Amino acid sequence: MMKNVDKFNITMKNKGKNRLKQTVCVIGMGYVGLPLAVQSALSGFRVFGLENDRKKIKKINSGKSPIKEDFLENNLPKVNPNTNPKTGSEKNNNRKTKSSISSTNISSKDSAKIGVGVKIEATADAKVIKKSDIVLVCVPTPVDEKYYPDLSPVKKAVTSIVKNFKKGQLVVIESTVNPGVCEEVVEPIFAKAGYKVGKDYYLAHCPERINPGDANWNVVNIPRVVGAFSKKGLSLAVKFYKKILDAEIYPMKSIREAEAVKIVENSFRDVNIAFVNELAKSFDRMNIDIDDVIRGASTKPFAFMPHFPGCGVGGHCIPVDPYYLIERAKASGFDHEFLKIARKINNSMPEYTVNILQHSLNSIKMPMKGTPIGILGISYKANVADLRESPVFKILEHLQKHDADVIMFDPHVPHMSDVKNIEELLRKSKAVILVTDHDEFKKLDPSIFKKYSIKAIVDGKNCLDKDAIQKYGIIYRGIGR
């Protein structure tokens, strides 16, 4: 059991040499967990990455990021040198390196062999939890088809911790959860096994704030909030995050308030996006360019925060988190009408986008049925390969209702693309819906649409040159412009 906070010193002297003292286990090596694992390793911690995906395990152990992200692609090779697991020699380099984690630690058949010098040991073997001082839970928290929160991944992760319990562990839930989950769901799983929070282990919540594809803000410099069950648990968690991050760590008064922070952050964004999406629908009828209006309003130096409309809200956070607050408040006897309206508006945007295309084609007497429609962008966000809650899937559903022929292309999601490049997509299409504002699409010369005889374009991100496209006699419609 931890006797004092000083145990969180990363290194200690041992016969004149520094050795790793603290071990971190990250459960879930996705967009949240893998950056944390890498940063923990860079900060000197010994790291286990618990993951079920065999291909992902193999890549991580060989120093290759399974996620296309600059931070990961630049830093994972530093902590996991690409070595030959049989000889320990670096690829194209015969020099030997010292190993901080023995490859014999991986016992699961699902785990790939790892080489010398590896500091993050990815594995499917939950027994590594028992070897860890700090456990970070970074699993998804989705909603089901009826938009009801699904906490089963969190419950499964916590159950694994209990089955491989190590006394004195600091357990941190990074997964986004609704207020009360740590107290009403997580802690009871430990209690049922006879483990007392604040005595046998320490429980904290530090809601993740990863922003995929953001070159300026990453796991290292984004400020964090931390809440815990006890003062000591809070102190341990704050001290850990201060060790690995170069950012403000704000201690919350309670673990429940820490849980509420992330839900409020994303509900705030969802509500504001819904507001401009509704304005877009209104301004479409008034012939007002909402993009110009928002940029004009943004010149006010205070009290206005610009948000922009689009063909749908995607990602694992914004379209999901409000439902967690809605359901939790409902259980407490309160009805979040405002949040429900915002969700309804934002969920309507894919259908609205397809309706815009239908009206555009009707104006030139071109039926939707059988018309080849090119989709530019599959991922939910610019310059990433993340498909979670991407609006493209709802857009496809509505296009299929009209029996349209759909062709998709996304340079970041080649395995789902129907063609190899933009030119091939345009050559096979008569109309286009831009779903994702990738840099490759924003840089397109408008003349390319004329070259391939595109009749209509629906710009779902309002990122193309409206005036230039219209000069070529092509129908251009944005969302609210």
Protein backbone atom coordinates (compact mmCIF):
# COMPACT_ATOMS: atom_id res chain seq x y z
CA MET A 1 0.00 0.00 0.00
CA MET A 2 1.25 3.51 -0.83
CA LYS A 3 2.59 5.14 2.30
CA ASN A 4 3.05 8.63 0.93
CA VAL A 5 2.84 10.74 -2.17
CA ASP A 6 6.63 10.66 -2.62
CA LYS A 7 6.30 7.13 -3.99
CA PHE A 8 5.38 8.80 -7.25
CA ASN A 9 9.00 9.84 -7.86
CA ILE A 10 9.76 8.36 -11.24
CA THR A 11 13.29 7.15 -10.66
CA MET A 12 15.40 5.96 -7.79
CA LYS A 13 19.10 5.31 -7.26
CA ASN A 14 20.15 1.69 -7.34
CA LYS A 15 23.85 0.87 -7.26
CA GLY A 16 24.68 4.06 -9.14
CA LYS A 17 22.08 3.51 -11.88
CA ASN A 18 18.60 4.95 -12.39
CA ARG A 19 15.82 2.44 -12.78
CA LEU A 20 12.12 2.77 -13.48
CA LYS A 21 10.06 2.68 -10.32
CA GLN A 22 6.39 3.26 -11.21
CA THR A 23 4.38 1.15 -13.63
CA VAL A 24 1.35 2.42 -15.54
CA CYS A 25 -1.28 0.24 -17.20
CA VAL A 26 -3.48 1.88 -19.82
CA ILE A 27 -6.66 -0.05 -20.59
CA GLY A 28 -7.71 0.74 -24.16
CA MET A 29 -5.08 1.81 -26.71
CA GLY A 30 -7.21 4.04 -28.91
CA TYR A 31 -7.30 7.78 -29.55
CA VAL A 32 -7.25 8.47 -25.80
CA GLY A 33 -5.22 5.64 -24.33
CA LEU A 34 -2.33 5.39 -26.77
CA PRO A 35 -1.23 9.05 -26.50
CA LEU A 36 -1.36 8.72 -22.69
CA ALA A 37 0.71 5.56 -22.83
CA VAL A 38 3.30 7.20 -25.07
CA GLN A 39 3.53 10.32 -22.93
CA SER A 40 3.82 8.23 -19.75
CA ALA A 41 6.69 6.29 -21.33
CA LEU A 42 8.38 9.49 -22.48
CA SER A 43 8.11 10.72 -18.88
CA GLY A 44 10.01 7.70 -17.62
CA PHE A 45 7.23 5.36 -16.54
CA ARG A 46 7.14 1.69 -17.34
CA VAL A 47 3.94 1.18 -19.36
CA PHE A 48 1.63 -1.70 -20.17
CA GLY A 49 -1.05 -1.17 -22.83
CA LEU A 50 -4.01 -3.50 -22.43
CA GLU A 51 -5.72 -4.02 -25.77
CA ASN A 52 -7.79 -6.76 -27.46
CA ASP A 53 -6.96 -5.90 -31.08
CA ARG A 54 -4.12 -8.23 -32.15
CA LYS A 55 -3.09 -6.10 -35.12
CA LYS A 56 -2.93 -3.02 -32.93
CA ILE A 57 -0.83 -4.86 -30.33
CA LYS A 58 1.65 -5.96 -32.98
CA LYS A 59 1.99 -2.46 -34.42
CA ILE A 60 2.48 -0.77 -31.06
CA ASN A 61 5.12 -3.26 -29.96
CA SER A 62 7.02 -2.68 -33.21
CA GLY A 63 6.91 1.10 -32.80
CA LYS A 64 4.29 1.75 -35.47
CA SER A 65 1.25 3.83 -34.63
CA PRO A 66 -2.10 2.22 -35.54
CA ILE A 67 -3.54 5.74 -35.51
CA LYS A 68 -2.56 8.43 -38.01
CA GLU A 69 -1.67 11.22 -35.60
CA ASP A 70 1.46 13.40 -35.64
CA PHE A 71 2.13 13.09 -31.90
CA LEU A 72 1.96 9.30 -32.06
CA GLU A 73 3.85 8.88 -35.31
CA ASN A 74 6.65 11.12 -34.03
CA ASN A 75 6.93 9.73 -30.51
CA LEU A 76 5.90 6.06 -30.50
CA PRO A 77 9.12 5.05 -32.33
CA LYS A 78 11.09 6.85 -29.60
CA VAL A 79 9.66 4.69 -26.81
CA ASN A 80 9.27 1.54 -28.89
CA PRO A 81 12.26 1.32 -31.25
CA ASN A 82 11.60 -0.83 -34.31
CA THR A 83 13.65 -3.86 -33.28
CA ASN A 84 13.91 -7.47 -34.29
CA PRO A 85 12.21 -9.45 -31.48
CA LYS A 86 14.48 -12.44 -32.02
CA THR A 87 17.84 -10.66 -31.92
CA GLY A 88 16.96 -7.35 -30.30
CA SER A 89 18.82 -5.51 -33.04
CA GLU A 90 17.36 -2.33 -34.45
CA LYS A 91 16.22 -2.42 -38.03
CA ASN A 92 19.20 -1.55 -40.25
CA ASN A 93 21.31 -1.15 -37.12
CA ASN A 94 23.29 -3.85 -35.35
CA ARG A 95 23.89 -1.88 -32.16
CA LYS A 96 22.36 -3.38 -29.04
CA THR A 97 20.12 -1.32 -26.75
CA LYS A 98 19.24 -1.78 -23.11
CA SER A 99 15.78 -3.09 -22.36
CA SER A 100 13.57 -1.48 -19.74
CA ILE A 101 10.86 -4.13 -20.05
CA SER A 102 11.61 -7.77 -20.67
CA SER A 103 9.79 -9.37 -23.59
CA THR A 104 9.09 -12.36 -21.38
CA ASN A 105 6.50 -10.31 -19.48
CA ILE A 106 3.94 -10.92 -22.22
CA SER A 107 2.29 -14.27 -21.70
CA SER A 108 -0.88 -13.96 -23.78
CA LYS A 109 -0.98 -15.72 -27.13
CA ASP A 110 -2.61 -12.60 -28.54
CA SER A 111 0.46 -10.49 -27.77
CA ALA A 112 3.13 -9.94 -30.37
CA LYS A 113 6.77 -10.54 -29.56
CA ILE A 114 8.57 -7.36 -28.66
CA GLY A 115 12.14 -6.33 -29.03
CA VAL A 116 14.85 -4.78 -26.93
CA GLY A 117 14.35 -1.19 -25.77
CA VAL A 118 10.56 -1.27 -25.79
CA LYS A 119 9.00 0.89 -23.07
CA ILE A 120 5.32 0.38 -23.90
CA GLU A 121 4.35 -3.27 -23.75
CA ALA A 122 1.04 -3.81 -25.54
CA THR A 123 -0.73 -7.00 -24.57
CA ALA A 124 -4.12 -8.68 -24.30
CA ASP A 125 -3.16 -10.27 -20.99
CA ALA A 126 -5.06 -8.58 -18.14
CA LYS A 127 -2.59 -10.00 -15.63
CA VAL A 128 -0.35 -6.99 -16.30
CA ILE A 129 -2.81 -4.96 -14.21
CA LYS A 130 -1.50 -6.73 -11.13
CA LYS A 131 2.01 -5.49 -11.96
CA SER A 132 0.87 -1.87 -12.21
CA ASP A 133 0.82 0.95 -9.67
CA ILE A 134 -1.41 3.23 -11.75
CA VAL A 135 -4.26 2.06 -13.97
CA LEU A 136 -5.83 4.40 -16.52
CA VAL A 137 -9.20 3.35 -17.96
CA CYS A 138 -9.52 4.73 -21.50
CA VAL A 139 -12.31 2.66 -23.04
CA PRO A 140 -15.20 3.95 -25.20
CA THR A 141 -18.50 5.03 -23.64
CA PRO A 142 -21.00 4.97 -26.52
CA VAL A 143 -24.78 5.18 -26.64
CA ASP A 144 -27.02 2.46 -28.05
CA GLU A 145 -29.50 2.75 -30.91
CA LYS A 146 -31.99 4.44 -28.58
CA TYR A 147 -29.31 6.92 -27.42
CA TYR A 148 -29.08 5.33 -23.99
CA PRO A 149 -25.59 5.38 -22.37
CA ASP A 150 -23.68 2.11 -22.67
CA LEU A 151 -21.34 1.73 -19.70
CA SER A 152 -20.50 -1.92 -20.36
CA PRO A 153 -16.93 -1.16 -21.58
CA VAL A 154 -16.20 0.70 -18.33
CA LYS A 155 -17.73 -2.06 -16.21
CA LYS A 156 -15.70 -4.68 -18.06
CA ALA A 157 -12.47 -2.72 -17.57
CA VAL A 158 -13.12 -2.18 -13.86
CA THR A 159 -13.99 -5.85 -13.41
CA SER A 160 -10.62 -6.73 -14.96
CA ILE A 161 -8.89 -4.46 -12.45
CA VAL A 162 -10.71 -6.12 -9.55
CA LYS A 163 -9.79 -9.60 -10.80
CA ASN A 164 -6.14 -8.56 -11.01
CA PHE A 165 -6.15 -6.28 -8.00
CA LYS A 166 -2.98 -4.85 -6.52
CA LYS A 167 -3.31 -3.14 -3.16
CA GLY A 168 -2.51 0.55 -3.17
CA GLN A 169 -3.27 1.08 -6.85
CA LEU A 170 -4.36 4.44 -8.19
CA VAL A 171 -7.24 3.85 -10.62
CA VAL A 172 -8.16 6.75 -12.89
CA ILE A 173 -11.22 6.73 -15.13
CA GLU A 174 -10.41 8.79 -18.25
CA SER A 175 -13.46 7.62 -20.18
CA THR A 176 -16.26 10.15 -20.42
CA VAL A 177 -19.06 9.23 -18.03
CA ASN A 178 -22.14 10.95 -16.66
CA PRO A 179 -22.04 12.44 -13.15
CA GLY A 180 -22.31 9.74 -10.51
CA VAL A 181 -20.81 6.80 -12.43
CA CYS A 182 -17.64 6.57 -10.34
CA GLU A 183 -19.70 6.53 -7.14
CA GLU A 184 -22.66 4.46 -8.32
CA VAL A 185 -21.08 2.06 -10.84
CA VAL A 186 -17.30 1.88 -10.47
CA GLU A 187 -16.82 1.96 -6.69
CA PRO A 188 -19.50 -0.71 -5.99
CA ILE A 189 -17.63 -3.19 -8.23
CA PHE A 190 -14.59 -2.83 -5.99
CA ALA A 191 -16.72 -2.86 -2.84
CA LYS A 192 -18.42 -6.10 -3.87
CA ALA A 193 -14.97 -7.71 -4.02
CA GLY A 194 -14.17 -6.40 -0.55
CA TYR A 195 -11.89 -3.52 -1.54
CA LYS A 196 -12.38 -0.18 0.19
CA VAL A 197 -11.71 3.06 -1.69
CA GLY A 198 -9.20 5.31 0.05
CA LYS A 199 -7.77 2.37 1.95
CA ASP A 200 -7.11 -0.53 -0.42
CA TYR A 201 -6.97 1.58 -3.57
CA TYR A 202 -7.49 5.17 -4.77
CA LEU A 203 -10.11 6.16 -7.33
CA ALA A 204 -10.00 9.33 -9.43
CA HIS A 205 -11.57 10.74 -12.57
CA CYS A 206 -9.69 12.80 -15.15
CA PRO A 207 -11.95 13.22 -18.20
CA GLU A 208 -10.06 12.93 -21.48
CA ARG A 209 -9.76 15.97 -23.71
CA ILE A 210 -8.07 14.54 -26.79
CA ASN A 211 -8.77 16.51 -29.97
CA PRO A 212 -7.82 14.25 -32.91
CA GLY A 213 -5.97 15.98 -35.73
CA ASP A 214 -5.18 19.14 -33.75
CA ALA A 215 -1.58 20.18 -34.41
CA ASN A 216 -1.54 22.75 -31.61
CA TRP A 217 -3.27 20.93 -28.76
CA ASN A 218 -2.34 17.36 -27.88
CA VAL A 219 -2.15 15.12 -24.83
CA VAL A 220 0.89 17.01 -23.51
CA ASN A 221 -0.40 20.58 -23.32
CA ILE A 222 -4.18 20.38 -22.89
CA PRO A 223 -5.16 21.45 -19.32
CA ARG A 224 -6.90 18.77 -17.30
CA VAL A 225 -9.29 18.54 -14.35
CA VAL A 226 -9.07 15.81 -11.72
CA GLY A 227 -11.53 14.69 -9.06
CA ALA A 228 -11.19 11.87 -6.54
CA PHE A 229 -12.89 10.08 -3.65
CA SER A 230 -10.34 11.22 -1.08
CA LYS A 231 -7.77 13.95 -0.51
CA LYS A 232 -4.96 11.44 -0.83
CA GLY A 233 -6.41 9.99 -4.01
CA LEU A 234 -6.69 13.50 -5.44
CA SER A 235 -3.12 14.30 -4.44
CA LEU A 236 -1.79 11.13 -6.05
CA ALA A 237 -3.72 11.69 -9.28
CA VAL A 238 -2.73 15.36 -9.56
CA LYS A 239 0.89 14.48 -8.89
CA PHE A 240 0.86 11.79 -11.59
CA TYR A 241 -0.59 14.06 -14.26
CA LYS A 242 1.83 16.83 -13.35
CA LYS A 243 4.64 14.33 -13.88
CA ILE A 244 3.60 13.46 -17.42
CA LEU A 245 1.95 16.63 -18.76
CA ASP A 246 3.09 20.17 -19.43
CA ALA A 247 -0.28 21.69 -18.63
CA GLU A 248 -2.41 23.00 -15.78
CA ILE A 249 -3.94 20.26 -13.64
CA TYR A 250 -7.01 21.66 -11.91
CA PRO A 251 -8.20 19.76 -8.80
CA MET A 252 -11.99 19.54 -8.52
CA LYS A 253 -13.87 19.57 -5.23
CA SER A 254 -15.44 16.17 -5.91
CA ILE A 255 -15.26 13.29 -8.34
CA ARG A 256 -18.87 13.93 -9.39
CA GLU A 257 -18.05 17.50 -10.38
CA ALA A 258 -15.08 16.25 -12.40
CA GLU A 259 -17.44 13.91 -14.25
CA ALA A 260 -19.77 16.82 -14.99
CA VAL A 261 -17.01 18.96 -16.52
CA LYS A 262 -16.59 16.96 -19.72
CA ILE A 263 -20.33 16.53 -20.20
CA VAL A 264 -20.84 20.28 -19.86
CA GLU A 265 -17.98 21.08 -22.26
CA ASN A 266 -19.40 18.99 -25.06
CA SER A 267 -23.04 19.82 -24.38
CA PHE A 268 -22.07 23.50 -24.65
CA ARG A 269 -20.59 22.87 -28.09
CA ASP A 270 -23.54 20.76 -29.19
CA VAL A 271 -26.05 23.44 -28.22
CA ASN A 272 -24.12 26.19 -30.01
CA ILE A 273 -23.71 24.09 -33.14
CA ALA A 274 -27.45 23.36 -33.07
CA PHE A 275 -28.12 27.10 -32.84
CA VAL A 276 -26.13 27.89 -36.00
CA ASN A 277 -27.55 24.85 -37.79
CA GLU A 278 -31.05 26.14 -37.13
CA LEU A 279 -29.98 29.60 -38.28
CA ALA A 280 -28.61 28.00 -41.46
CA LYS A 281 -31.99 26.46 -42.24
CA SER A 282 -33.68 29.79 -41.63
CA PHE A 283 -31.15 31.83 -43.62
CA ASP A 284 -31.45 29.44 -46.57
CA ARG A 285 -35.02 30.70 -46.95
CA MET A 286 -33.98 34.35 -46.58
CA ASN A 287 -31.06 34.23 -49.01
CA ILE A 288 -28.60 35.19 -46.26
CA ASP A 289 -25.06 33.79 -46.19
CA ILE A 290 -24.63 32.52 -42.62
CA ASP A 291 -20.87 32.16 -43.04
CA ASP A 292 -20.55 35.88 -43.72
CA VAL A 293 -22.89 36.71 -40.83
CA ILE A 294 -20.92 34.64 -38.32
CA ARG A 295 -17.63 36.13 -39.42
CA GLY A 296 -19.14 39.58 -39.10
CA ALA A 297 -20.46 38.83 -35.61
CA SER A 298 -17.00 37.53 -34.69
CA THR A 299 -15.56 41.02 -35.01
CA LYS A 300 -17.19 41.81 -31.67
CA PRO A 301 -14.30 41.41 -29.19
CA PHE A 302 -16.45 40.03 -26.37
CA ALA A 303 -19.55 37.92 -25.62
CA PHE A 304 -19.61 36.10 -28.98
CA MET A 305 -18.03 32.73 -29.72
CA PRO A 306 -18.21 31.63 -33.37
CA HIS A 307 -19.60 28.21 -34.25
CA PHE A 308 -20.32 27.08 -37.79
CA PRO A 309 -23.07 24.93 -39.34
CA GLY A 310 -22.48 21.70 -41.21
CA CYS A 311 -23.93 18.51 -42.65
CA GLY A 312 -23.83 16.74 -39.28
CA VAL A 313 -22.04 16.51 -35.95
CA GLY A 314 -19.60 13.62 -35.64
CA GLY A 315 -16.98 12.18 -33.34
CA HIS A 316 -17.24 10.18 -30.16
CA CYS A 317 -17.90 13.15 -27.87
CA ILE A 318 -20.22 15.92 -29.04
CA PRO A 319 -23.05 13.76 -30.47
CA VAL A 320 -22.81 11.33 -27.54
CA ASP A 321 -22.09 13.17 -24.29
CA PRO A 322 -25.32 15.21 -24.11
CA TYR A 323 -27.29 11.95 -23.91
CA TYR A 324 -25.32 11.00 -20.80
CA LEU A 325 -26.43 14.20 -19.08
CA ILE A 326 -29.98 13.88 -20.39
CA GLU A 327 -30.38 10.36 -18.98
CA ARG A 328 -28.65 11.12 -15.67
CA ALA A 329 -30.81 14.19 -15.10
CA LYS A 330 -33.92 12.22 -16.05
CA ALA A 331 -33.08 9.67 -13.34
CA SER A 332 -32.89 12.59 -10.90
CA GLY A 333 -36.29 13.92 -11.95
CA PHE A 334 -35.16 16.69 -14.33
CA ASP A 335 -35.88 16.96 -18.05
CA HIS A 336 -33.19 18.63 -20.21
CA GLU A 337 -35.48 19.99 -22.92
CA PHE A 338 -32.84 22.31 -24.36
CA LEU A 339 -30.28 19.52 -24.81
CA LYS A 340 -32.86 17.24 -26.42
CA ILE A 341 -33.83 19.95 -28.92
CA ALA A 342 -30.17 20.56 -29.76
CA ARG A 343 -29.64 16.85 -30.39
CA LYS A 344 -32.75 16.72 -32.58
CA ILE A 345 -31.55 19.64 -34.69
CA ASN A 346 -28.03 18.29 -35.14
CA ASN A 347 -29.31 14.80 -35.92
CA SER A 348 -31.47 16.29 -38.68
CA MET A 349 -28.57 17.80 -40.65
CA PRO A 350 -27.62 14.75 -42.77
CA GLU A 351 -31.19 14.51 -44.09
CA TYR A 352 -31.29 18.28 -44.61
CA THR A 353 -28.08 18.03 -46.65
CA VAL A 354 -29.55 15.36 -48.92
CA ASN A 355 -32.73 17.43 -49.31
CA ILE A 356 -30.61 20.37 -50.49
CA LEU A 357 -29.07 18.15 -53.16
CA GLN A 358 -32.48 16.86 -54.22
CA HIS A 359 -33.84 20.40 -54.64
CA SER A 360 -30.73 21.40 -56.59
CA LEU A 361 -31.08 18.47 -58.99
CA ASN A 362 -34.82 19.05 -59.34
CA SER A 363 -34.08 22.60 -60.49
CA ILE A 364 -32.23 21.19 -63.51
CA LYS A 365 -34.69 18.32 -63.95
CA MET A 366 -32.18 15.66 -62.95
CA PRO A 367 -33.66 12.84 -60.84
CA MET A 368 -31.88 11.56 -57.74
CA LYS A 369 -32.68 7.99 -58.74
CA GLY A 370 -29.79 6.53 -60.68
CA THR A 371 -27.74 9.71 -60.61
CA PRO A 372 -24.11 9.08 -59.59
CA ILE A 373 -23.41 11.14 -56.48
CA GLY A 374 -19.81 11.63 -55.40
CA ILE A 375 -19.11 11.85 -51.67
CA LEU A 376 -15.97 13.77 -50.72
CA GLY A 377 -14.98 12.72 -47.21
CA ILE A 378 -15.88 9.78 -45.00
CA SER A 379 -14.27 10.58 -41.64
CA TYR A 380 -16.08 12.84 -39.20
CA LYS A 381 -13.33 15.46 -39.04
CA ALA A 382 -10.75 17.13 -41.27
CA ASN A 383 -7.41 15.40 -41.78
CA VAL A 384 -8.09 12.36 -39.59
CA ALA A 385 -9.23 8.80 -40.31
CA ASP A 386 -11.68 8.65 -37.41
CA LEU A 387 -15.09 7.33 -38.49
CA ARG A 388 -16.86 7.49 -35.14
CA GLU A 389 -20.36 8.95 -35.54
CA SER A 390 -19.44 10.41 -38.92
CA PRO A 391 -22.46 12.08 -40.59
CA VAL A 392 -21.57 10.32 -43.84
CA PHE A 393 -23.37 7.17 -42.70
CA LYS A 394 -26.71 8.94 -42.21
CA ILE A 395 -26.19 10.80 -45.48
CA LEU A 396 -25.71 7.46 -47.23
CA GLU A 397 -28.91 6.12 -45.68
CA HIS A 398 -30.92 9.05 -47.05
CA LEU A 399 -29.29 8.85 -50.49
CA GLN A 400 -30.15 5.15 -50.64
CA LYS A 401 -33.80 6.01 -49.97
CA HIS A 402 -33.67 7.99 -53.22
CA ASP A 403 -31.95 5.12 -55.08
CA ALA A 404 -28.97 7.31 -55.90
CA ASP A 405 -25.72 5.71 -57.05
CA VAL A 406 -23.06 6.66 -54.52
CA ILE A 407 -19.29 6.85 -55.01
CA MET A 408 -17.09 7.73 -52.02
CA PHE A 409 -13.54 8.97 -51.65
CA ASP A 410 -11.50 9.93 -48.61
CA PRO A 411 -7.68 10.08 -48.77
CA HIS A 412 -7.53 9.32 -45.05
CA VAL A 413 -9.89 6.33 -45.28
CA PRO A 414 -8.72 4.43 -48.38
CA HIS A 415 -10.21 1.11 -47.27
CA MET A 416 -13.73 2.55 -47.55
CA SER A 417 -13.14 4.60 -50.68
CA ASP A 418 -14.66 3.42 -53.96
CA VAL A 419 -12.03 5.16 -56.09
CA LYS A 420 -8.32 5.91 -55.83
CA ASN A 421 -8.39 9.70 -56.19
CA ILE A 422 -10.52 12.81 -56.50
CA GLU A 423 -10.29 12.90 -60.30
CA GLU A 424 -11.70 9.39 -60.61
CA LEU A 425 -14.58 10.27 -58.31
CA LEU A 426 -15.44 13.43 -60.25
CA ARG A 427 -15.18 11.61 -63.58
CA LYS A 428 -17.79 9.09 -62.40
CA SER A 429 -20.13 11.63 -60.73
CA LYS A 430 -22.77 14.10 -61.82
CA ALA A 431 -23.19 15.79 -58.45
CA VAL A 432 -21.08 16.05 -55.30
CA ILE A 433 -21.64 16.29 -51.55
CA LEU A 434 -18.61 17.44 -49.58
CA VAL A 435 -18.87 15.84 -46.13
CA THR A 436 -15.41 16.40 -44.65
CA ASP A 437 -13.25 19.51 -45.00
CA HIS A 438 -9.92 17.77 -45.56
CA ASP A 439 -7.11 20.07 -46.71
CA GLU A 440 -6.97 18.17 -50.01
CA PHE A 441 -10.56 19.17 -50.72
CA LYS A 442 -10.31 22.79 -49.58
CA LYS A 443 -7.38 23.32 -51.97
CA LEU A 444 -9.29 22.11 -55.02
CA ASP A 445 -9.31 24.51 -57.96
CA PRO A 446 -12.98 25.15 -58.79
CA SER A 447 -12.20 24.56 -62.47
CA ILE A 448 -11.85 20.84 -61.77
CA PHE A 449 -15.61 20.60 -61.21
CA LYS A 450 -16.21 22.20 -64.61
CA LYS A 451 -13.65 19.89 -66.22
CA TYR A 452 -15.59 16.83 -65.13
CA SER A 453 -19.04 18.32 -65.88
CA ILE A 454 -20.31 18.33 -62.30
CA LYS A 455 -23.83 19.76 -62.29
CA ALA A 456 -24.38 20.46 -58.59
CA ILE A 457 -22.30 20.68 -55.42
CA VAL A 458 -23.55 20.61 -51.83
CA ASP A 459 -20.79 21.92 -49.61
CA GLY A 460 -21.49 20.32 -46.23
CA LYS A 461 -18.68 22.25 -44.54
CA ASN A 462 -18.97 25.60 -46.37
CA CYS A 463 -15.28 25.39 -47.25
CA LEU A 464 -15.30 25.70 -51.05
CA ASP A 465 -15.19 28.90 -53.12
CA LYS A 466 -18.87 29.56 -53.73
CA ASP A 467 -18.45 32.47 -56.17
CA ALA A 468 -15.78 30.75 -58.26
CA ILE A 469 -17.85 27.57 -58.59
CA GLN A 470 -20.98 29.47 -59.59
CA LYS A 471 -19.04 31.35 -62.29
CA TYR A 472 -18.65 28.02 -64.09
CA GLY A 473 -22.43 27.62 -64.18
CA ILE A 474 -22.41 24.92 -61.51
CA ILE A 475 -25.10 24.88 -58.83
CA TYR A 476 -23.47 25.53 -55.46
CA ARG A 477 -25.32 25.11 -52.20
CA GLY A 478 -23.77 25.25 -48.76
CA ILE A 479 -25.36 24.85 -45.35
CA GLY A 480 -26.95 28.25 -44.88
CA ARG A 481 -25.21 29.85 -47.87
